[in-house]
C-alpha atoms as a PDB file:
ATOM      1  CA  MET A   1       1.592 -19.024 -10.406  1.00  0.00           C
ATOM      2  CA  GLU A   2       3.893 -16.974  -8.232  1.00  0.00           C
ATOM      3  CA  HIS A   3       3.323 -14.055  -5.893  1.00  0.00           C
ATOM      4  CA  ILE A   4       5.828 -11.218  -6.117  1.00  0.00           C
ATOM      5  CA  ILE A   5       5.975  -8.328  -3.666  1.00  0.00           C
ATOM      6  CA  PHE A   6       7.339  -4.930  -4.681  1.00  0.00           C
ATOM      7  CA  GLU A   7       8.412  -3.521  -1.316  1.00  0.00           C
ATOM      8  CA  ASN A   8       8.786  -0.028  -2.796  1.00  0.00           C
ATOM      9  CA  ASP A   9       7.467   1.950  -5.730  1.00  0.00           C
ATOM     10  CA  ILE A  10       9.724   1.671  -8.795  1.00  0.00           C
ATOM     11  CA  THR A  11      10.265   4.779 -10.904  1.00  0.00           C
ATOM     12  CA  ILE A  12      10.647   3.883 -14.556  1.00  0.00           C
ATOM     13  CA  MET A  13      11.382   5.858 -17.715  1.00  0.00           C
ATOM     14  CA  TYR A  14       9.939   4.665 -20.962  1.00  0.00           C
ATOM     15  CA  VAL A  15       9.660   4.723 -24.726  1.00  0.00           C
ATOM     16  CA  ALA A  16       6.104   4.320 -26.027  1.00  0.00           C
ATOM     17  CA  ALA A  17       5.467   1.926 -28.912  1.00  0.00           C
ATOM     18  CA  SER A  18       4.021   3.412 -32.086  1.00  0.00           C
ATOM     19  CA  SER A  19       1.698   0.414 -32.340  1.00  0.00           C
ATOM     20  CA  PHE A  20       0.927  -2.888 -30.654  1.00  0.00           C
ATOM     21  CA  PRO A  21       2.105  -5.551 -31.231  1.00  0.00           C
ATOM     22  CA  ASP A  22       4.059  -4.493 -34.331  1.00  0.00           C
ATOM     23  CA  GLY A  23       5.998  -1.662 -32.648  1.00  0.00           C
ATOM     24  CA  VAL A  24       7.087  -3.571 -29.534  1.00  0.00           C
ATOM     25  CA  LEU A  25      10.453  -4.884 -30.756  1.00  0.00           C
ATOM     26  CA  ALA A  26      11.527  -1.505 -32.181  1.00  0.00           C
ATOM     27  CA  THR A  27      10.546   0.164 -28.904  1.00  0.00           C
ATOM     28  CA  HIS A  28      12.766  -2.201 -26.894  1.00  0.00           C
ATOM     29  CA  GLN A  29      15.602  -1.702 -29.375  1.00  0.00           C
ATOM     30  CA  GLN A  30      15.310   2.070 -28.956  1.00  0.00           C
ATOM     31  CA  LEU A  31      15.312   1.766 -25.150  1.00  0.00           C
ATOM     32  CA  HIS A  32      18.326  -0.569 -25.144  1.00  0.00           C
ATOM     33  CA  SER A  33      20.260   1.752 -27.451  1.00  0.00           C
ATOM     34  CA  LEU A  34      20.060   4.243 -24.567  1.00  0.00           C
ATOM     35  CA  PHE A  35      20.386   1.730 -21.725  1.00  0.00           C
ATOM     36  CA  PRO A  36      22.202  -1.496 -22.707  1.00  0.00           C
ATOM     37  CA  PHE A  37      21.258  -4.509 -20.616  1.00  0.00           C
ATOM     38  CA  SER A  38      22.896  -4.357 -17.181  1.00  0.00           C
ATOM     39  CA  THR A  39      22.291  -6.242 -13.957  1.00  0.00           C
ATOM     40  CA  ALA A  40      22.381  -2.868 -12.158  1.00  0.00           C
ATOM     41  CA  ARG A  41      19.043  -1.849 -13.700  1.00  0.00           C
ATOM     42  CA  ARG A  42      15.611  -3.467 -14.050  1.00  0.00           C
ATOM     43  CA  TYR A  43      13.884  -3.550 -17.460  1.00  0.00           C
ATOM     44  CA  PHE A  44      10.166  -3.746 -18.119  1.00  0.00           C
ATOM     45  CA  GLY A  45       7.445  -3.793 -20.694  1.00  0.00           C
ATOM     46  CA  ILE A  46       4.128  -2.378 -19.540  1.00  0.00           C
ATOM     47  CA  SER A  47       0.793  -2.361 -21.281  1.00  0.00           C
ATOM     48  CA  ARG A  48      -2.915  -1.899 -20.827  1.00  0.00           C
ATOM     49  CA  PRO A  49      -5.920  -0.904 -22.900  1.00  0.00           C
ATOM     50  CA  GLU A  50      -6.284   2.857 -23.405  1.00  0.00           C
ATOM     51  CA  ASN A  51      -9.024   4.344 -25.598  1.00  0.00           C
ATOM     52  CA  GLY A  52      -9.832   1.004 -27.204  1.00  0.00           C
ATOM     53  CA  GLN A  53      -6.296  -0.095 -28.065  1.00  0.00           C
ATOM     54  CA  ILE A  54      -3.292  -1.541 -26.254  1.00  0.00           C
ATOM     55  CA  GLU A  55      -0.719   1.061 -25.220  1.00  0.00           C
ATOM     56  CA  TYR A  56       2.733  -0.479 -24.789  1.00  0.00           C
ATOM     57  CA  LYS A  57       5.860   1.019 -23.218  1.00  0.00           C
ATOM     58  CA  ALA A  58       9.393  -0.377 -23.013  1.00  0.00           C
ATOM     59  CA  ALA A  59      10.857   0.840 -19.742  1.00  0.00           C
ATOM     60  CA  ALA A  60      13.976   0.930 -17.611  1.00  0.00           C
ATOM     61  CA  GLN A  61      14.302   1.603 -13.908  1.00  0.00           C
ATOM     62  CA  VAL A  62      15.558   5.072 -13.065  1.00  0.00           C
ATOM     63  CA  ILE A  63      18.754   4.594 -11.055  1.00  0.00           C
ATOM     64  CA  GLU A  64      20.337   8.062 -11.280  1.00  0.00           C
ATOM     65  CA  SER A  65      18.745  11.415 -10.620  1.00  0.00           C
ATOM     66  CA  GLY A  66      18.114  13.327 -13.834  1.00  0.00           C
ATOM     67  CA  GLU A  67      18.699  10.484 -16.299  1.00  0.00           C
ATOM     68  CA  ALA A  68      15.130  10.515 -17.663  1.00  0.00           C
ATOM     69  CA  GLU A  69      15.427  14.229 -18.343  1.00  0.00           C
ATOM     70  CA  LYS A  70      18.835  13.745 -19.960  1.00  0.00           C
ATOM     71  CA  TYR A  71      17.292  11.369 -22.516  1.00  0.00           C
ATOM     72  CA  GLN A  72      13.983  13.282 -22.697  1.00  0.00           C
ATOM     73  CA  LEU A  73      11.985  10.282 -21.511  1.00  0.00           C
ATOM     74  CA  GLU A  74       8.731  10.362 -19.592  1.00  0.00           C
ATOM     75  CA  THR A  75       8.528   8.610 -16.242  1.00  0.00           C
ATOM     76  CA  MET A  76       5.916   6.776 -14.248  1.00  0.00           C
ATOM     77  CA  ILE A  77       5.653   4.676 -11.103  1.00  0.00           C
ATOM     78  CA  LEU A  78       5.153   0.941 -10.845  1.00  0.00           C
ATOM     79  CA  LYS A  79       3.275   0.801  -7.562  1.00  0.00           C
ATOM     80  CA  LYS A  80       4.523  -1.235  -4.643  1.00  0.00           C
ATOM     81  CA  GLY A  81       2.351  -4.107  -3.565  1.00  0.00           C
ATOM     82  CA  ASN A  82       1.445  -7.695  -4.354  1.00  0.00           C
ATOM     83  CA  TYR A  83       1.651  -9.006  -7.912  1.00  0.00           C
ATOM     84  CA  ILE A  84       0.684 -12.347  -9.365  1.00  0.00           C
ATOM     85  CA  ALA A  85       3.288 -13.617 -11.798  1.00  0.00           C
ATOM     86  CA  ILE A  86       4.274 -16.367 -14.185  1.00  0.00           C
ATOM     87  CA  THR A  87       7.818 -16.843 -15.491  1.00  0.00           C
ATOM     88  CA  ILE A  88       8.462 -17.484 -19.182  1.00  0.00           C
ATOM     89  CA  HIS A  89      11.846 -19.011 -20.011  1.00  0.00           C
ATOM     90  CA  ASP A  90      13.403 -18.330 -23.436  1.00  0.00           C
ATOM     91  CA  PHE A  91      10.520 -16.018 -24.335  1.00  0.00           C
ATOM     92  CA  MET A  92      11.964 -15.150 -27.769  1.00  0.00           C
ATOM     93  CA  LYS A  93      11.444 -18.788 -28.806  1.00  0.00           C
ATOM     94  CA  ASP A  94       7.697 -18.525 -28.145  1.00  0.00           C
ATOM     95  CA  ILE A  95       6.441 -14.940 -28.407  1.00  0.00           C
ATOM     96  CA  PRO A  96       2.741 -16.046 -28.446  1.00  0.00           C
ATOM     97  CA  ALA A  97       3.298 -17.481 -24.943  1.00  0.00           C
ATOM     98  CA  ILE A  98       3.414 -13.909 -23.607  1.00  0.00           C
ATOM     99  CA  GLN A  99      -0.173 -13.160 -24.642  1.00  0.00           C
ATOM    100  CA  LYS A 100      -1.325 -16.589 -23.448  1.00  0.00           C
ATOM    101  CA  THR A 101       0.316 -15.981 -20.071  1.00  0.00           C
ATOM    102  CA  PHE A 102      -1.340 -12.581 -19.660  1.00  0.00           C
ATOM    103  CA  ASP A 103      -4.689 -14.129 -20.645  1.00  0.00           C
ATOM    104  CA  VAL A 104      -4.282 -16.467 -17.657  1.00  0.00           C
ATOM    105  CA  LEU A 105      -3.247 -13.626 -15.343  1.00  0.00           C
ATOM    106  CA  ILE A 106      -6.054 -11.230 -16.314  1.00  0.00           C
ATOM    107  CA  SER A 107      -8.618 -13.946 -15.590  1.00  0.00           C
ATOM    108  CA  GLN A 108      -7.609 -13.983 -11.905  1.00  0.00           C
ATOM    109  CA  PRO A 109      -9.723 -12.245  -9.234  1.00  0.00           C
ATOM    110  CA  ASN A 110      -8.778  -9.129  -7.252  1.00  0.00           C
ATOM    111  CA  LEU A 111      -6.675  -7.376  -9.893  1.00  0.00           C
ATOM    112  CA  ASP A 112      -5.870  -3.697  -9.401  1.00  0.00           C
ATOM    113  CA  PRO A 113      -8.262  -1.952 -11.832  1.00  0.00           C
ATOM    114  CA  ASP A 114      -5.648   0.772 -12.395  1.00  0.00           C
ATOM    115  CA  GLY A 115      -2.799  -1.704 -12.852  1.00  0.00           C
ATOM    116  CA  TYR A 116      -0.774  -2.701 -15.869  1.00  0.00           C
ATOM    117  CA  CYS A 117       0.331  -5.924 -17.478  1.00  0.00           C
ATOM    118  CA  VAL A 118       3.998  -5.841 -16.482  1.00  0.00           C
ATOM    119  CA  GLU A 119       6.815  -7.769 -18.124  1.00  0.00           C
ATOM    120  CA  GLU A 120      10.069  -7.774 -16.184  1.00  0.00           C
ATOM    121  CA  TYR A 121      13.064  -8.974 -18.148  1.00  0.00           C
ATOM    122  CA  THR A 122      15.047 -10.785 -15.475  1.00  0.00           C
ATOM    123  CA  ASN A 123      17.867 -11.579 -17.914  1.00  0.00           C
ATOM    124  CA  GLN A 124      18.257 -11.611 -21.680  1.00  0.00           C
ATOM    125  CA  SER A 125      16.140 -14.742 -22.163  1.00  0.00           C
ATOM    126  CA  ASP A 126      13.628 -14.935 -19.293  1.00  0.00           C
ATOM    127  CA  MET A 127      10.778 -12.716 -18.219  1.00  0.00           C
ATOM    128  CA  LEU A 128       8.235 -12.431 -15.443  1.00  0.00           C
ATOM    129  CA  CYS A 129       4.694 -11.593 -16.529  1.00  0.00           C
ATOM    130  CA  MET A 130       2.909  -9.817 -13.671  1.00  0.00           C
ATOM    131  CA  ILE A 131      -0.250  -7.956 -12.736  1.00  0.00           C
ATOM    132  CA  ARG A 132      -0.721  -6.020  -9.490  1.00  0.00           C
ATOM    133  CA  LEU A 133      -3.446  -7.139  -7.089  1.00  0.00           C
ATOM    134  CA  LYS A 134      -5.794  -4.803  -5.204  1.00  0.00           C
ATOM    135  CA  ASP A 135      -4.521  -3.550  -1.837  1.00  0.00           C
END
C-alpha cells in the first residue's frame, strides 16, 4: 500500500454515470470525447454510496478557466491531504481487481468519512486506487 499526498486541492469537472457499474465505460467514453487523453491533464473516476446506491463520475482536471462551463459540466474539489493508494497495472485486463482493491482500501482505519473512492488514470493502462485519510 502506498501513501499519496495531494499538496493542493484539485478542481475536477465530471460526467455522472447513469448507473453503476454498467454505465461506467460509457461515462468515460463521453468524457474522453471531450478531453482526449493528454499528459497535461489528470483523469479520475470517483465514487461513493449516495442514497443506497453507488454514484460514479468520470472526471478530468480543470486546467483552463471556463472550460467546465464551456462543456456544461459540473465541478467539484478533490481535497488536498493524505491518501492511501494501491496501483493496478493493465486494469482493463482485470476489471474485477478494481472492486477488490477498493475493498482492501475501505477496510483501512482513519478514512475521511466525507471522502470518495478515487481512481486516477496515470496512463492509458494503469490506475491508482485511492481513498483520502482523515486530517
